[in-house]
Amino acid sequence: VEIKAIKYIPSDYGSTTLYTMITPEGNVIKWFASNDTLGEEIGARYVIRGTVKKHDVWEGINSTVLTRCSIVDELEPAGE
C-alpha cells in the first residue's frame, strides 16, 4: 500500500492516527491506529497485514477498514 493521507484525531483517551492508503489495484484502505506505526511520510510504501474490520462507503468512495495491522515489508517510494 501507499500512504495517501495521515490524520490525527484527538480524544479524551489520547490520539488516534488515521492512515488512508491505496493499493496498487486502486483500492482504498483505512486504518485507525493507536500510534504512528507507519510514520508520518506521505507516499511511503509498505506491505502490511491486518484484519478486515468492515467495508465502508464515505462520500461515495468504497473503502476497507483494517484493524490489528503490522508491517511485513517496507518498500521504496514510488518513482525511485
PDB file of N, CA and C in Angstrom:
ATOM      1  N   VAL A   1       0.839  -1.178   0.000  1.00  0.00           N
ATOM      2  CA  VAL A   1       0.000   0.000   0.000  1.00  0.00           C
ATOM      3  C   VAL A   1       0.884   1.241   0.000  1.00  0.00           C
ATOM      4  N   GLU A   2       0.310   2.331  -0.465  1.00  0.00           N
ATOM      5  CA  GLU A   2       0.995   3.620  -0.430  1.00  0.00           C
ATOM      6  C   GLU A   2       0.174   4.562   0.433  1.00  0.00           C
ATOM      7  N   ILE A   3       0.812   5.247   1.369  1.00  0.00           N
ATOM      8  CA  ILE A   3       0.110   6.170   2.248  1.00  0.00           C
ATOM      9  C   ILE A   3      -0.253   7.427   1.466  1.00  0.00           C
ATOM     10  N   LYS A   4      -1.548   7.764   1.484  1.00  0.00           N
ATOM     11  CA  LYS A   4      -2.033   8.943   0.776  1.00  0.00           C
ATOM     12  C   LYS A   4      -2.380  10.083   1.715  1.00  0.00           C
ATOM     13  N   ALA A   5      -2.770   9.759   2.961  1.00  0.00           N
ATOM     14  CA  ALA A   5      -3.118  10.802   3.927  1.00  0.00           C
ATOM     15  C   ALA A   5      -2.937  10.274   5.340  1.00  0.00           C
ATOM     16  N   ILE A   6      -2.589  11.185   6.248  1.00  0.00           N
ATOM     17  CA  ILE A   6      -2.455  10.864   7.669  1.00  0.00           C
ATOM     18  C   ILE A   6      -3.200  11.943   8.438  1.00  0.00           C
ATOM     19  N   LYS A   7      -4.083  11.503   9.326  1.00  0.00           N
ATOM     20  CA  LYS A   7      -4.855  12.454  10.130  1.00  0.00           C
ATOM     21  C   LYS A   7      -4.794  12.024  11.584  1.00  0.00           C
ATOM     22  N   TYR A   8      -4.569  12.980  12.467  1.00  0.00           N
ATOM     23  CA  TYR A   8      -4.524  12.713  13.901  1.00  0.00           C
ATOM     24  C   TYR A   8      -5.845  13.157  14.510  1.00  0.00           C
ATOM     25  N   ILE A   9      -6.516  12.247  15.193  1.00  0.00           N
ATOM     26  CA  ILE A   9      -7.825  12.512  15.764  1.00  0.00           C
ATOM     27  C   ILE A   9      -7.699  12.486  17.288  1.00  0.00           C
ATOM     28  N   PRO A  10      -7.796  13.662  17.939  1.00  0.00           N
ATOM     29  CA  PRO A  10      -7.670  13.695  19.400  1.00  0.00           C
ATOM     30  C   PRO A  10      -8.947  13.206  20.080  1.00  0.00           C
ATOM     31  N   SER A  11      -8.790  12.645  21.262  1.00  0.00           N
ATOM     32  CA  SER A  11      -9.938  12.231  22.069  1.00  0.00           C
ATOM     33  C   SER A  11      -9.572  12.357  23.539  1.00  0.00           C
ATOM     34  N   ASP A  12     -10.504  12.051  24.398  1.00  0.00           N
ATOM     35  CA  ASP A  12     -10.245  12.110  25.838  1.00  0.00           C
ATOM     36  C   ASP A  12      -9.227  11.066  26.280  1.00  0.00           C
ATOM     37  N   TYR A  13      -9.015  10.052  25.457  1.00  0.00           N
ATOM     38  CA  TYR A  13      -8.143   8.932  25.825  1.00  0.00           C
ATOM     39  C   TYR A  13      -6.823   8.932  25.068  1.00  0.00           C
ATOM     40  N   GLY A  14      -6.480  10.036  24.447  1.00  0.00           N
ATOM     41  CA  GLY A  14      -5.248  10.110  23.670  1.00  0.00           C
ATOM     42  C   GLY A  14      -5.560  10.486  22.235  1.00  0.00           C
ATOM     43  N   SER A  15      -4.731  10.053  21.325  1.00  0.00           N
ATOM     44  CA  SER A  15      -4.884  10.391  19.923  1.00  0.00           C
ATOM     45  C   SER A  15      -4.935   9.117  19.078  1.00  0.00           C
ATOM     46  N   THR A  16      -5.759   9.151  18.044  1.00  0.00           N
ATOM     47  CA  THR A  16      -5.833   8.055  17.087  1.00  0.00           C
ATOM     48  C   THR A  16      -5.254   8.555  15.770  1.00  0.00           C
ATOM     49  N   THR A  17      -4.473   7.728  15.111  1.00  0.00           N
ATOM     50  CA  THR A  17      -3.904   8.070  13.817  1.00  0.00           C
ATOM     51  C   THR A  17      -4.692   7.362  12.735  1.00  0.00           C
ATOM     52  N   LEU A  18      -5.262   8.123  11.796  1.00  0.00           N
ATOM     53  CA  LEU A  18      -5.988   7.546  10.670  1.00  0.00           C
ATOM     54  C   LEU A  18      -5.074   7.565   9.456  1.00  0.00           C
ATOM     55  N   TYR A  19      -4.706   6.374   9.008  1.00  0.00           N
ATOM     56  CA  TYR A  19      -3.927   6.237   7.777  1.00  0.00           C
ATOM     57  C   TYR A  19      -4.886   5.903   6.648  1.00  0.00           C
ATOM     58  N   THR A  20      -4.841   6.682   5.572  1.00  0.00           N
ATOM     59  CA  THR A  20      -5.591   6.378   4.364  1.00  0.00           C
ATOM     60  C   THR A  20      -4.565   5.959   3.321  1.00  0.00           C
ATOM     61  N   MET A  21      -4.750   4.752   2.787  1.00  0.00           N
ATOM     62  CA  MET A  21      -3.766   4.166   1.884  1.00  0.00           C
ATOM     63  C   MET A  21      -4.468   3.679   0.619  1.00  0.00           C
ATOM     64  N   ILE A  22      -3.688   3.440  -0.415  1.00  0.00           N
ATOM     65  CA  ILE A  22      -4.223   2.909  -1.660  1.00  0.00           C
ATOM     66  C   ILE A  22      -3.358   1.732  -2.094  1.00  0.00           C
ATOM     67  N   THR A  23      -4.013   0.692  -2.592  1.00  0.00           N
ATOM     68  CA  THR A  23      -3.292  -0.481  -3.075  1.00  0.00           C
ATOM     69  C   THR A  23      -2.893  -0.263  -4.528  1.00  0.00           C
ATOM     70  N   PRO A  24      -1.978  -1.073  -5.064  1.00  0.00           N
ATOM     71  CA  PRO A  24      -1.614  -0.950  -6.483  1.00  0.00           C
ATOM     72  C   PRO A  24      -2.813  -1.138  -7.414  1.00  0.00           C
ATOM     73  N   GLU A  25      -3.851  -1.852  -6.949  1.00  0.00           N
ATOM     74  CA  GLU A  25      -5.058  -2.076  -7.761  1.00  0.00           C
ATOM     75  C   GLU A  25      -6.034  -0.911  -7.665  1.00  0.00           C
ATOM     76  N   GLY A  26      -5.742   0.073  -6.822  1.00  0.00           N
ATOM     77  CA  GLY A  26      -6.598   1.247  -6.689  1.00  0.00           C
ATOM     78  C   GLY A  26      -7.618   1.167  -5.567  1.00  0.00           C
ATOM     79  N   ASN A  27      -7.537   0.160  -4.708  1.00  0.00           N
ATOM     80  CA  ASN A  27      -8.470   0.034  -3.591  1.00  0.00           C
ATOM     81  C   ASN A  27      -8.038   0.931  -2.435  1.00  0.00           C
ATOM     82  N   VAL A  28      -9.011   1.544  -1.764  1.00  0.00           N
ATOM     83  CA  VAL A  28      -8.737   2.428  -0.634  1.00  0.00           C
ATOM     84  C   VAL A  28      -8.790   1.619   0.657  1.00  0.00           C
ATOM     85  N   ILE A  29      -7.754   1.778   1.485  1.00  0.00           N
ATOM     86  CA  ILE A  29      -7.645   1.085   2.768  1.00  0.00           C
ATOM     87  C   ILE A  29      -7.521   2.142   3.854  1.00  0.00           C
ATOM     88  N   LYS A  30      -8.256   1.961   4.966  1.00  0.00           N
ATOM     89  CA  LYS A  30      -8.140   2.869   6.107  1.00  0.00           C
ATOM     90  C   LYS A  30      -7.774   2.070   7.343  1.00  0.00           C
ATOM     91  N   TRP A  31      -6.918   2.668   8.160  1.00  0.00           N
ATOM     92  CA  TRP A  31      -6.522   2.041   9.416  1.00  0.00           C
ATOM     93  C   TRP A  31      -6.511   3.101  10.504  1.00  0.00           C
ATOM     94  N   PHE A  32      -7.349   2.907  11.522  1.00  0.00           N
ATOM     95  CA  PHE A  32      -7.375   3.766  12.698  1.00  0.00           C
ATOM     96  C   PHE A  32      -6.401   3.151  13.707  1.00  0.00           C
ATOM     97  N   ALA A  33      -5.183   3.670  13.750  1.00  0.00           N
ATOM     98  CA  ALA A  33      -4.127   3.102  14.590  1.00  0.00           C
ATOM     99  C   ALA A  33      -4.038   3.853  15.915  1.00  0.00           C
ATOM    100  N   SER A  34      -3.612   3.159  16.956  1.00  0.00           N
ATOM    101  CA  SER A  34      -3.462   3.793  18.260  1.00  0.00           C
ATOM    102  C   SER A  34      -2.117   4.501  18.395  1.00  0.00           C
ATOM    103  N   ASN A  35      -1.252   4.363  17.388  1.00  0.00           N
ATOM    104  CA  ASN A  35       0.039   5.049  17.388  1.00  0.00           C
ATOM    105  C   ASN A  35       0.435   5.347  15.948  1.00  0.00           C
ATOM    106  N   ASP A  36       1.613   5.887  15.741  1.00  0.00           N
ATOM    107  CA  ASP A  36       2.049   6.233  14.379  1.00  0.00           C
ATOM    108  C   ASP A  36       3.007   5.174  13.831  1.00  0.00           C
ATOM    109  N   THR A  37       2.566   3.942  13.801  1.00  0.00           N
ATOM    110  CA  THR A  37       3.380   2.804  13.378  1.00  0.00           C
ATOM    111  C   THR A  37       3.977   2.996  11.985  1.00  0.00           C
ATOM    112  N   LEU A  38       3.208   3.571  11.062  1.00  0.00           N
ATOM    113  CA  LEU A  38       3.679   3.737   9.687  1.00  0.00           C
ATOM    114  C   LEU A  38       4.421   5.051   9.474  1.00  0.00           C
ATOM    115  N   GLY A  39       4.669   5.780  10.544  1.00  0.00           N
ATOM    116  CA  GLY A  39       5.412   7.025  10.426  1.00  0.00           C
ATOM    117  C   GLY A  39       4.538   8.170   9.968  1.00  0.00           C
ATOM    118  N   GLU A  40       5.192   9.231   9.489  1.00  0.00           N
ATOM    119  CA  GLU A  40       4.487  10.456   9.115  1.00  0.00           C
ATOM    120  C   GLU A  40       4.750  10.861   7.676  1.00  0.00           C
ATOM    121  N   GLU A  41       5.250   9.959   6.864  1.00  0.00           N
ATOM    122  CA  GLU A  41       5.639  10.301   5.496  1.00  0.00           C
ATOM    123  C   GLU A  41       4.559   9.908   4.485  1.00  0.00           C
ATOM    124  N   ILE A  42       3.962  10.917   3.833  1.00  0.00           N
ATOM    125  CA  ILE A  42       3.013  10.671   2.751  1.00  0.00           C
ATOM    126  C   ILE A  42       3.802  10.095   1.579  1.00  0.00           C
ATOM    127  N   GLY A  43       3.280   9.071   0.933  1.00  0.00           N
ATOM    128  CA  GLY A  43       3.962   8.446  -0.196  1.00  0.00           C
ATOM    129  C   GLY A  43       4.789   7.236   0.186  1.00  0.00           C
ATOM    130  N   ALA A  44       4.966   7.001   1.489  1.00  0.00           N
ATOM    131  CA  ALA A  44       5.702   5.811   1.924  1.00  0.00           C
ATOM    132  C   ALA A  44       4.924   4.569   1.501  1.00  0.00           C
ATOM    133  N   ARG A  45       5.653   3.510   1.182  1.00  0.00           N
ATOM    134  CA  ARG A  45       5.017   2.280   0.697  1.00  0.00           C
ATOM    135  C   ARG A  45       5.409   1.106   1.582  1.00  0.00           C
ATOM    136  N   TYR A  46       4.402   0.270   1.898  1.00  0.00           N
ATOM    137  CA  TYR A  46       4.608  -0.879   2.770  1.00  0.00           C
ATOM    138  C   TYR A  46       3.813  -2.077   2.273  1.00  0.00           C
ATOM    139  N   VAL A  47       4.258  -3.237   2.664  1.00  0.00           N
ATOM    140  CA  VAL A  47       3.429  -4.438   2.603  1.00  0.00           C
ATOM    141  C   VAL A  47       2.931  -4.615   4.031  1.00  0.00           C
ATOM    142  N   ILE A  48       1.609  -4.595   4.207  1.00  0.00           N
ATOM    143  CA  ILE A  48       1.046  -4.712   5.551  1.00  0.00           C
ATOM    144  C   ILE A  48       0.137  -5.926   5.641  1.00  0.00           C
ATOM    145  N   ARG A  49      -0.106  -6.328   6.869  1.00  0.00           N
ATOM    146  CA  ARG A  49      -1.039  -7.425   7.140  1.00  0.00           C
ATOM    147  C   ARG A  49      -1.995  -6.909   8.207  1.00  0.00           C
ATOM    148  N   GLY A  50      -3.275  -7.217   8.051  1.00  0.00           N
ATOM    149  CA  GLY A  50      -4.258  -6.780   9.032  1.00  0.00           C
ATOM    150  C   GLY A  50      -5.538  -7.572   8.902  1.00  0.00           C
ATOM    151  N   THR A  51      -6.463  -7.302   9.794  1.00  0.00           N
ATOM    152  CA  THR A  51      -7.761  -7.961   9.796  1.00  0.00           C
ATOM    153  C   THR A  51      -8.800  -6.994   9.253  1.00  0.00           C
ATOM    154  N   VAL A  52      -9.632  -7.466   8.320  1.00  0.00           N
ATOM    155  CA  VAL A  52     -10.703  -6.629   7.786  1.00  0.00           C
ATOM    156  C   VAL A  52     -11.746  -6.434   8.875  1.00  0.00           C
ATOM    157  N   LYS A  53     -11.974  -5.162   9.219  1.00  0.00           N
ATOM    158  CA  LYS A  53     -12.976  -4.840  10.234  1.00  0.00           C
ATOM    159  C   LYS A  53     -14.328  -4.612   9.583  1.00  0.00           C
ATOM    160  N   LYS A  54     -14.332  -3.866   8.460  1.00  0.00           N
ATOM    161  CA  LYS A  54     -15.580  -3.619   7.744  1.00  0.00           C
ATOM    162  C   LYS A  54     -15.276  -3.019   6.377  1.00  0.00           C
ATOM    163  N   HIS A  55     -16.273  -3.063   5.540  1.00  0.00           N
ATOM    164  CA  HIS A  55     -16.246  -2.362   4.260  1.00  0.00           C
ATOM    165  C   HIS A  55     -17.129  -1.136   4.440  1.00  0.00           C
ATOM    166  N   ASP A  56     -16.661   0.005   3.980  1.00  0.00           N
ATOM    167  CA  ASP A  56     -17.315   1.263   4.278  1.00  0.00           C
ATOM    168  C   ASP A  56     -17.453   2.096   3.010  1.00  0.00           C
ATOM    169  N   VAL A  57     -18.420   3.008   3.013  1.00  0.00           N
ATOM    170  CA  VAL A  57     -18.563   3.989   1.943  1.00  0.00           C
ATOM    171  C   VAL A  57     -18.558   5.350   2.615  1.00  0.00           C
ATOM    172  N   TRP A  58     -17.602   6.198   2.222  1.00  0.00           N
ATOM    173  CA  TRP A  58     -17.515   7.537   2.780  1.00  0.00           C
ATOM    174  C   TRP A  58     -17.445   8.527   1.632  1.00  0.00           C
ATOM    175  N   GLU A  59     -18.395   9.424   1.571  1.00  0.00           N
ATOM    176  CA  GLU A  59     -18.514  10.408   0.492  1.00  0.00           C
ATOM    177  C   GLU A  59     -18.478   9.732  -0.875  1.00  0.00           C
ATOM    178  N   GLY A  60     -19.140   8.581  -0.984  1.00  0.00           N
ATOM    179  CA  GLY A  60     -19.254   7.877  -2.256  1.00  0.00           C
ATOM    180  C   GLY A  60     -18.054   7.043  -2.642  1.00  0.00           C
ATOM    181  N   ILE A  61     -17.061   6.947  -1.772  1.00  0.00           N
ATOM    182  CA  ILE A  61     -15.851   6.173  -2.070  1.00  0.00           C
ATOM    183  C   ILE A  61     -15.862   4.902  -1.233  1.00  0.00           C
ATOM    184  N   ASN A  62     -15.760   3.763  -1.890  1.00  0.00           N
ATOM    185  CA  ASN A  62     -15.685   2.482  -1.183  1.00  0.00           C
ATOM    186  C   ASN A  62     -14.310   2.333  -0.560  1.00  0.00           C
ATOM    187  N   SER A  63     -14.287   1.831   0.664  1.00  0.00           N
ATOM    188  CA  SER A  63     -13.010   1.595   1.330  1.00  0.00           C
ATOM    189  C   SER A  63     -13.126   0.389   2.240  1.00  0.00           C
ATOM    190  N   THR A  64     -11.976  -0.162   2.579  1.00  0.00           N
ATOM    191  CA  THR A  64     -11.895  -1.272   3.512  1.00  0.00           C
ATOM    192  C   THR A  64     -11.205  -0.761   4.765  1.00  0.00           C
ATOM    193  N   VAL A  65     -11.813  -0.997   5.925  1.00  0.00           N
ATOM    194  CA  VAL A  65     -11.238  -0.580   7.198  1.00  0.00           C
ATOM    195  C   VAL A  65     -10.551  -1.796   7.809  1.00  0.00           C
ATOM    196  N   LEU A  66      -9.265  -1.624   8.152  1.00  0.00           N
ATOM    197  CA  LEU A  66      -8.483  -2.701   8.750  1.00  0.00           C
ATOM    198  C   LEU A  66      -8.243  -2.435  10.225  1.00  0.00           C
ATOM    199  N   THR A  67      -7.936  -3.481  10.952  1.00  0.00           N
ATOM    200  CA  THR A  67      -7.539  -3.390  12.346  1.00  0.00           C
ATOM    201  C   THR A  67      -6.383  -4.360  12.585  1.00  0.00           C
ATOM    202  N   ARG A  68      -5.661  -4.163  13.664  1.00  0.00           N
ATOM    203  CA  ARG A  68      -4.532  -5.019  14.044  1.00  0.00           C
ATOM    204  C   ARG A  68      -3.505  -5.165  12.918  1.00  0.00           C
ATOM    205  N   CYS A  69      -3.110  -4.057  12.322  1.00  0.00           N
ATOM    206  CA  CYS A  69      -2.154  -4.101  11.208  1.00  0.00           C
ATOM    207  C   CYS A  69      -0.721  -4.204  11.711  1.00  0.00           C
ATOM    208  N   SER A  70       0.099  -4.800  10.878  1.00  0.00           N
ATOM    209  CA  SER A  70       1.535  -4.853  11.135  1.00  0.00           C
ATOM    210  C   SER A  70       2.263  -4.732   9.802  1.00  0.00           C
ATOM    211  N   ILE A  71       3.489  -4.261   9.881  1.00  0.00           N
ATOM    212  CA  ILE A  71       4.309  -4.101   8.679  1.00  0.00           C
ATOM    213  C   ILE A  71       4.992  -5.428   8.371  1.00  0.00           C
ATOM    214  N   VAL A  72       4.831  -5.900   7.133  1.00  0.00           N
ATOM    215  CA  VAL A  72       5.512  -7.106   6.680  1.00  0.00           C
ATOM    216  C   VAL A  72       6.820  -6.719   5.998  1.00  0.00           C
ATOM    217  N   ASP A  73       6.781  -5.632   5.195  1.00  0.00           N
ATOM    218  CA  ASP A  73       7.971  -5.190   4.461  1.00  0.00           C
ATOM    219  C   ASP A  73       7.825  -3.708   4.143  1.00  0.00           C
ATOM    220  N   GLU A  74       8.942  -2.990   4.123  1.00  0.00           N
ATOM    221  CA  GLU A  74       8.948  -1.584   3.722  1.00  0.00           C
ATOM    222  C   GLU A  74       9.492  -1.500   2.309  1.00  0.00           C
ATOM    223  N   LEU A  75       8.787  -0.797   1.425  1.00  0.00           N
ATOM    224  CA  LEU A  75       9.165  -0.717   0.020  1.00  0.00           C
ATOM    225  C   LEU A  75       9.737   0.676  -0.283  1.00  0.00           C
ATOM    226  N   GLU A  76      10.438   0.778  -1.388  1.00  0.00           N
ATOM    227  CA  GLU A  76      10.953   2.066  -1.843  1.00  0.00           C
ATOM    228  C   GLU A  76       9.780   2.942  -2.283  1.00  0.00           C
ATOM    229  N   PRO A  77       9.851   4.257  -2.048  1.00  0.00           N
ATOM    230  CA  PRO A  77       8.791   5.144  -2.527  1.00  0.00           C
ATOM    231  C   PRO A  77       8.657   5.047  -4.044  1.00  0.00           C
ATOM    232  N   ALA A  78       7.451   5.279  -4.550  1.00  0.00           N
ATOM    233  CA  ALA A  78       7.193   5.207  -5.988  1.00  0.00           C
ATOM    234  C   ALA A  78       8.087   6.209  -6.730  1.00  0.00           C
ATOM    235  N   GLY A  79       8.568   5.795  -7.885  1.00  0.00           N
ATOM    236  CA  GLY A  79       9.390   6.674  -8.702  1.00  0.00           C
ATOM    237  C   GLY A  79      10.874   6.641  -8.390  1.00  0.00           C
ATOM    238  N   GLU A  80      11.308   5.780  -7.489  1.00  0.00           N
ATOM    239  CA  GLU A  80      12.736   5.718  -7.160  1.00  0.00           C
ATOM    240  C   GLU A  80      13.334   4.422  -7.620  1.00  0.00           C
TER     241      GLU A  80
END
